[in-house]
Amino acid sequence: SGNPPAACCAGASALASAASNAADKKT
């Protein structure tokens, strides 16, 4: 509930940066 933990947001942000092309997004 509330805001996600900082470690969660950091990981989600890392994933968003890593999945930069179509193949990575599908994977």
PDB file of all heavy atoms in Angstrom:
ATOM      1  N   SER A   1       0.867  -1.169   0.000  1.00  0.00           N
ATOM      2  CA  SER A   1       0.000   0.000   0.000  1.00  0.00           C
ATOM      3  C   SER A   1       0.907   1.224   0.000  1.00  0.00           C
ATOM      4  O   SER A   1       2.081   1.141   0.343  1.00  0.00           O
ATOM      5  CB  SER A   1      -0.921   0.005   1.221  1.00  0.00           C
ATOM      6  OG  SER A   1      -0.160   0.062   2.401  1.00  0.00           O
ATOM      7  N   GLY A   2       0.356   2.345  -0.388  1.00  0.00           N
ATOM      8  CA  GLY A   2       1.162   3.557  -0.441  1.00  0.00           C
ATOM      9  C   GLY A   2       2.156   3.500  -1.579  1.00  0.00           C
ATOM     10  O   GLY A   2       1.895   2.894  -2.620  1.00  0.00           O
ATOM     11  N   ASN A   3       3.284   4.132  -1.359  1.00  0.00           N
ATOM     12  CA  ASN A   3       4.315   4.172  -2.395  1.00  0.00           C
ATOM     13  C   ASN A   3       5.184   2.926  -2.353  1.00  0.00           C
ATOM     14  O   ASN A   3       5.439   2.388  -1.276  1.00  0.00           O
ATOM     15  CB  ASN A   3       5.200   5.413  -2.224  1.00  0.00           C
ATOM     16  CG  ASN A   3       4.465   6.684  -2.584  1.00  0.00           C
ATOM     17  OD1 ASN A   3       3.630   6.687  -3.492  1.00  0.00           O
ATOM     18  ND2 ASN A   3       4.751   7.761  -1.876  1.00  0.00           N
ATOM     19  N   PRO A   4       5.665   2.476  -3.519  1.00  0.00           N
ATOM     20  CA  PRO A   4       6.553   1.314  -3.546  1.00  0.00           C
ATOM     21  C   PRO A   4       7.881   1.639  -2.874  1.00  0.00           C
ATOM     22  O   PRO A   4       8.289   2.804  -2.819  1.00  0.00           O
ATOM     23  CB  PRO A   4       6.753   1.032  -5.030  1.00  0.00           C
ATOM     24  CG  PRO A   4       6.075   2.109  -5.780  1.00  0.00           C
ATOM     25  CD  PRO A   4       5.369   3.008  -4.834  1.00  0.00           C
ATOM     26  N   PRO A   5       8.574   0.613  -2.370  1.00  0.00           N
ATOM     27  CA  PRO A   5       9.893   0.841  -1.766  1.00  0.00           C
ATOM     28  C   PRO A   5      10.887   1.411  -2.784  1.00  0.00           C
ATOM     29  O   PRO A   5      10.767   1.155  -3.986  1.00  0.00           O
ATOM     30  CB  PRO A   5      10.340  -0.557  -1.326  1.00  0.00           C
ATOM     31  CG  PRO A   5       9.144  -1.435  -1.414  1.00  0.00           C
ATOM     32  CD  PRO A   5       8.177  -0.785  -2.338  1.00  0.00           C
ATOM     33  N   ALA A   6      11.839   2.158  -2.276  1.00  0.00           N
ATOM     34  CA  ALA A   6      12.852   2.771  -3.147  1.00  0.00           C
ATOM     35  C   ALA A   6      13.595   1.724  -3.971  1.00  0.00           C
ATOM     36  O   ALA A   6      13.880   1.947  -5.158  1.00  0.00           O
ATOM     37  CB  ALA A   6      13.838   3.592  -2.310  1.00  0.00           C
ATOM     38  N   ALA A   7      13.892   0.568  -3.375  1.00  0.00           N
ATOM     39  CA  ALA A   7      14.618  -0.482  -4.105  1.00  0.00           C
ATOM     40  C   ALA A   7      13.775  -1.003  -5.266  1.00  0.00           C
ATOM     41  O   ALA A   7      14.305  -1.347  -6.326  1.00  0.00           O
ATOM     42  CB  ALA A   7      14.990  -1.622  -3.166  1.00  0.00           C
ATOM     43  N   CYS A   8      12.479  -1.056  -5.084  1.00  0.00           N
ATOM     44  CA  CYS A   8      11.571  -1.492  -6.146  1.00  0.00           C
ATOM     45  C   CYS A   8      11.617  -0.493  -7.304  1.00  0.00           C
ATOM     46  O   CYS A   8      11.771  -0.877  -8.472  1.00  0.00           O
ATOM     47  CB  CYS A   8      10.158  -1.624  -5.605  1.00  0.00           C
ATOM     48  SG  CYS A   8       8.883  -1.859  -6.867  1.00  0.00           S
ATOM     49  N   CYS A   9      11.501   0.775  -7.002  1.00  0.00           N
ATOM     50  CA  CYS A   9      11.536   1.807  -8.045  1.00  0.00           C
ATOM     51  C   CYS A   9      12.885   1.842  -8.755  1.00  0.00           C
ATOM     52  O   CYS A   9      12.946   2.036  -9.976  1.00  0.00           O
ATOM     53  CB  CYS A   9      11.197   3.173  -7.460  1.00  0.00           C
ATOM     54  SG  CYS A   9       9.459   3.335  -6.991  1.00  0.00           S
ATOM     55  N   ALA A  10      13.959   1.640  -7.997  1.00  0.00           N
ATOM     56  CA  ALA A  10      15.292   1.606  -8.617  1.00  0.00           C
ATOM     57  C   ALA A  10      15.394   0.434  -9.593  1.00  0.00           C
ATOM     58  O   ALA A  10      15.926   0.574 -10.704  1.00  0.00           O
ATOM     59  CB  ALA A  10      16.378   1.511  -7.551  1.00  0.00           C
ATOM     60  N   GLY A  11      14.876  -0.720  -9.199  1.00  0.00           N
ATOM     61  CA  GLY A  11      14.904  -1.888 -10.078  1.00  0.00           C
ATOM     62  C   GLY A  11      14.030  -1.699 -11.299  1.00  0.00           C
ATOM     63  O   GLY A  11      14.422  -2.050 -12.420  1.00  0.00           O
ATOM     64  N   ALA A  12      12.839  -1.152 -11.114  1.00  0.00           N
ATOM     65  CA  ALA A  12      11.936  -0.907 -12.238  1.00  0.00           C
ATOM     66  C   ALA A  12      12.551   0.101 -13.210  1.00  0.00           C
ATOM     67  O   ALA A  12      12.444  -0.044 -14.429  1.00  0.00           O
ATOM     68  CB  ALA A  12      10.584  -0.419 -11.739  1.00  0.00           C
ATOM     69  N   SER A  13      13.222   1.095 -12.662  1.00  0.00           N
ATOM     70  CA  SER A  13      13.895   2.087 -13.499  1.00  0.00           C
ATOM     71  C   SER A  13      15.046   1.446 -14.285  1.00  0.00           C
ATOM     72  O   SER A  13      15.239   1.742 -15.470  1.00  0.00           O
ATOM     73  CB  SER A  13      14.420   3.231 -12.626  1.00  0.00           C
ATOM     74  OG  SER A  13      15.079   4.194 -13.405  1.00  0.00           O
ATOM     75  N   ALA A  14      15.796   0.568 -13.631  1.00  0.00           N
ATOM     76  CA  ALA A  14      16.885  -0.140 -14.313  1.00  0.00           C
ATOM     77  C   ALA A  14      16.328  -1.001 -15.448  1.00  0.00           C
ATOM     78  O   ALA A  14      16.900  -1.052 -16.542  1.00  0.00           O
ATOM     79  CB  ALA A  14      17.666  -1.000 -13.322  1.00  0.00           C
ATOM     80  N   LEU A  15      15.210  -1.650 -15.207  1.00  0.00           N
ATOM     81  CA  LEU A  15      14.583  -2.466 -16.236  1.00  0.00           C
ATOM     82  C   LEU A  15      14.126  -1.598 -17.405  1.00  0.00           C
ATOM     83  O   LEU A  15      14.334  -1.946 -18.569  1.00  0.00           O
ATOM     84  CB  LEU A  15      13.393  -3.234 -15.668  1.00  0.00           C
ATOM     85  CG  LEU A  15      12.564  -4.015 -16.688  1.00  0.00           C
ATOM     86  CD1 LEU A  15      13.412  -5.058 -17.403  1.00  0.00           C
ATOM     87  CD2 LEU A  15      11.373  -4.661 -16.015  1.00  0.00           C
ATOM     88  N   ALA A  16      13.520  -0.470 -17.104  1.00  0.00           N
ATOM     89  CA  ALA A  16      13.060   0.434 -18.163  1.00  0.00           C
ATOM     90  C   ALA A  16      14.222   0.881 -19.043  1.00  0.00           C
ATOM     91  O   ALA A  16      14.083   0.955 -20.263  1.00  0.00           O
ATOM     92  CB  ALA A  16      12.356   1.643 -17.545  1.00  0.00           C
ATOM     93  N   SER A  17      15.363   1.134 -18.438  1.00  0.00           N
ATOM     94  CA  SER A  17      16.540   1.541 -19.204  1.00  0.00           C
ATOM     95  C   SER A  17      17.127   0.390 -20.008  1.00  0.00           C
ATOM     96  O   SER A  17      17.592   0.573 -21.127  1.00  0.00           O
ATOM     97  CB  SER A  17      17.626   2.090 -18.268  1.00  0.00           C
ATOM     98  OG  SER A  17      17.178   3.251 -17.632  1.00  0.00           O
ATOM     99  N   ALA A  18      17.110  -0.802 -19.431  1.00  0.00           N
ATOM    100  CA  ALA A  18      17.723  -1.962 -20.087  1.00  0.00           C
ATOM    101  C   ALA A  18      16.905  -2.460 -21.272  1.00  0.00           C
ATOM    102  O   ALA A  18      17.469  -2.933 -22.258  1.00  0.00           O
ATOM    103  CB  ALA A  18      17.913  -3.093 -19.078  1.00  0.00           C
ATOM    104  N   ALA A  19      15.600  -2.368 -21.192  1.00  0.00           N
ATOM    105  CA  ALA A  19      14.731  -2.860 -22.268  1.00  0.00           C
ATOM    106  C   ALA A  19      14.519  -1.747 -23.284  1.00  0.00           C
ATOM    107  O   ALA A  19      13.463  -1.126 -23.347  1.00  0.00           O
ATOM    108  CB  ALA A  19      13.402  -3.357 -21.699  1.00  0.00           C
ATOM    109  N   SER A  20      15.547  -1.502 -24.088  1.00  0.00           N
ATOM    110  CA  SER A  20      15.527  -0.339 -24.960  1.00  0.00           C
ATOM    111  C   SER A  20      15.176  -0.646 -26.414  1.00  0.00           C
ATOM    112  O   SER A  20      14.872   0.255 -27.163  1.00  0.00           O
ATOM    113  CB  SER A  20      16.883   0.367 -24.898  1.00  0.00           C
ATOM    114  OG  SER A  20      17.900  -0.538 -25.288  1.00  0.00           O
ATOM    115  N   ASN A  21      15.232  -1.909 -26.824  1.00  0.00           N
ATOM    116  CA  ASN A  21      14.878  -2.220 -28.207  1.00  0.00           C
ATOM    117  C   ASN A  21      13.736  -3.240 -28.221  1.00  0.00           C
ATOM    118  O   ASN A  21      13.353  -3.784 -27.187  1.00  0.00           O
ATOM    119  CB  ASN A  21      16.094  -2.719 -28.991  1.00  0.00           C
ATOM    120  CG  ASN A  21      16.679  -3.997 -28.429  1.00  0.00           C
ATOM    121  OD1 ASN A  21      15.955  -4.954 -28.152  1.00  0.00           O
ATOM    122  ND2 ASN A  21      17.991  -4.036 -28.255  1.00  0.00           N
ATOM    123  N   ALA A  22      13.187  -3.479 -29.396  1.00  0.00           N
ATOM    124  CA  ALA A  22      12.004  -4.338 -29.517  1.00  0.00           C
ATOM    125  C   ALA A  22      12.252  -5.743 -28.984  1.00  0.00           C
ATOM    126  O   ALA A  22      11.405  -6.309 -28.280  1.00  0.00           O
ATOM    127  CB  ALA A  22      11.548  -4.391 -30.970  1.00  0.00           C
ATOM    128  N   ALA A  23      13.397  -6.312 -29.293  1.00  0.00           N
ATOM    129  CA  ALA A  23      13.701  -7.679 -28.837  1.00  0.00           C
ATOM    130  C   ALA A  23      13.777  -7.731 -27.314  1.00  0.00           C
ATOM    131  O   ALA A  23      13.252  -8.665 -26.693  1.00  0.00           O
ATOM    132  CB  ALA A  23      14.997  -8.174 -29.456  1.00  0.00           C
ATOM    133  N   ASP A  24      14.427  -6.745 -26.706  1.00  0.00           N
ATOM    134  CA  ASP A  24      14.532  -6.705 -25.246  1.00  0.00           C
ATOM    135  C   ASP A  24      13.160  -6.517 -24.602  1.00  0.00           C
ATOM    136  O   ASP A  24      12.863  -7.105 -23.566  1.00  0.00           O
ATOM    137  CB  ASP A  24      15.469  -5.589 -24.792  1.00  0.00           C
ATOM    138  CG  ASP A  24      16.934  -5.911 -25.047  1.00  0.00           C
ATOM    139  OD1 ASP A  24      17.249  -7.087 -25.328  1.00  0.00           O
ATOM    140  OD2 ASP A  24      17.760  -4.987 -24.954  1.00  0.00           O
ATOM    141  N   LYS A  25      12.319  -5.695 -25.206  1.00  0.00           N
ATOM    142  CA  LYS A  25      10.980  -5.464 -24.664  1.00  0.00           C
ATOM    143  C   LYS A  25      10.142  -6.741 -24.714  1.00  0.00           C
ATOM    144  O   LYS A  25       9.435  -7.050 -23.766  1.00  0.00           O
ATOM    145  CB  LYS A  25      10.287  -4.337 -25.430  1.00  0.00           C
ATOM    146  CG  LYS A  25      10.900  -2.979 -25.149  1.00  0.00           C
ATOM    147  CD  LYS A  25      10.295  -1.906 -26.014  1.00  0.00           C
ATOM    148  CE  LYS A  25      11.035  -0.590 -25.804  1.00  0.00           C
ATOM    149  NZ  LYS A  25      10.547   0.462 -26.688  1.00  0.00           N
ATOM    150  N   LYS A  26      10.247  -7.480 -25.822  1.00  0.00           N
ATOM    151  CA  LYS A  26       9.501  -8.749 -25.927  1.00  0.00           C
ATOM    152  C   LYS A  26      10.008  -9.758 -24.909  1.00  0.00           C
ATOM    153  O   LYS A  26       9.223 -10.471 -24.283  1.00  0.00           O
ATOM    154  CB  LYS A  26       9.604  -9.304 -27.341  1.00  0.00           C
ATOM    155  CG  LYS A  26       8.723  -8.595 -28.338  1.00  0.00           C
ATOM    156  CD  LYS A  26       8.771  -9.274 -29.682  1.00  0.00           C
ATOM    157  CE  LYS A  26       8.154  -8.447 -30.760  1.00  0.00           C
ATOM    158  NZ  LYS A  26       6.722  -8.445 -30.805  1.00  0.00           N
ATOM    159  N   THR A  27      11.334  -9.825 -24.739  1.00  0.00           N
ATOM    160  CA  THR A  27      11.910 -10.736 -23.750  1.00  0.00           C
ATOM    161  C   THR A  27      11.440 -10.357 -22.356  1.00  0.00           C
ATOM    162  O   THR A  27      10.988 -11.208 -21.587  1.00  0.00           O
ATOM    163  CB  THR A  27      13.451 -10.713 -23.817  1.00  0.00           C
ATOM    164  OG1 THR A  27      13.856 -11.162 -25.114  1.00  0.00           O
ATOM    165  CG2 THR A  27      14.067 -11.596 -22.755  1.00  0.00           C
TER     166      THR A  27
END
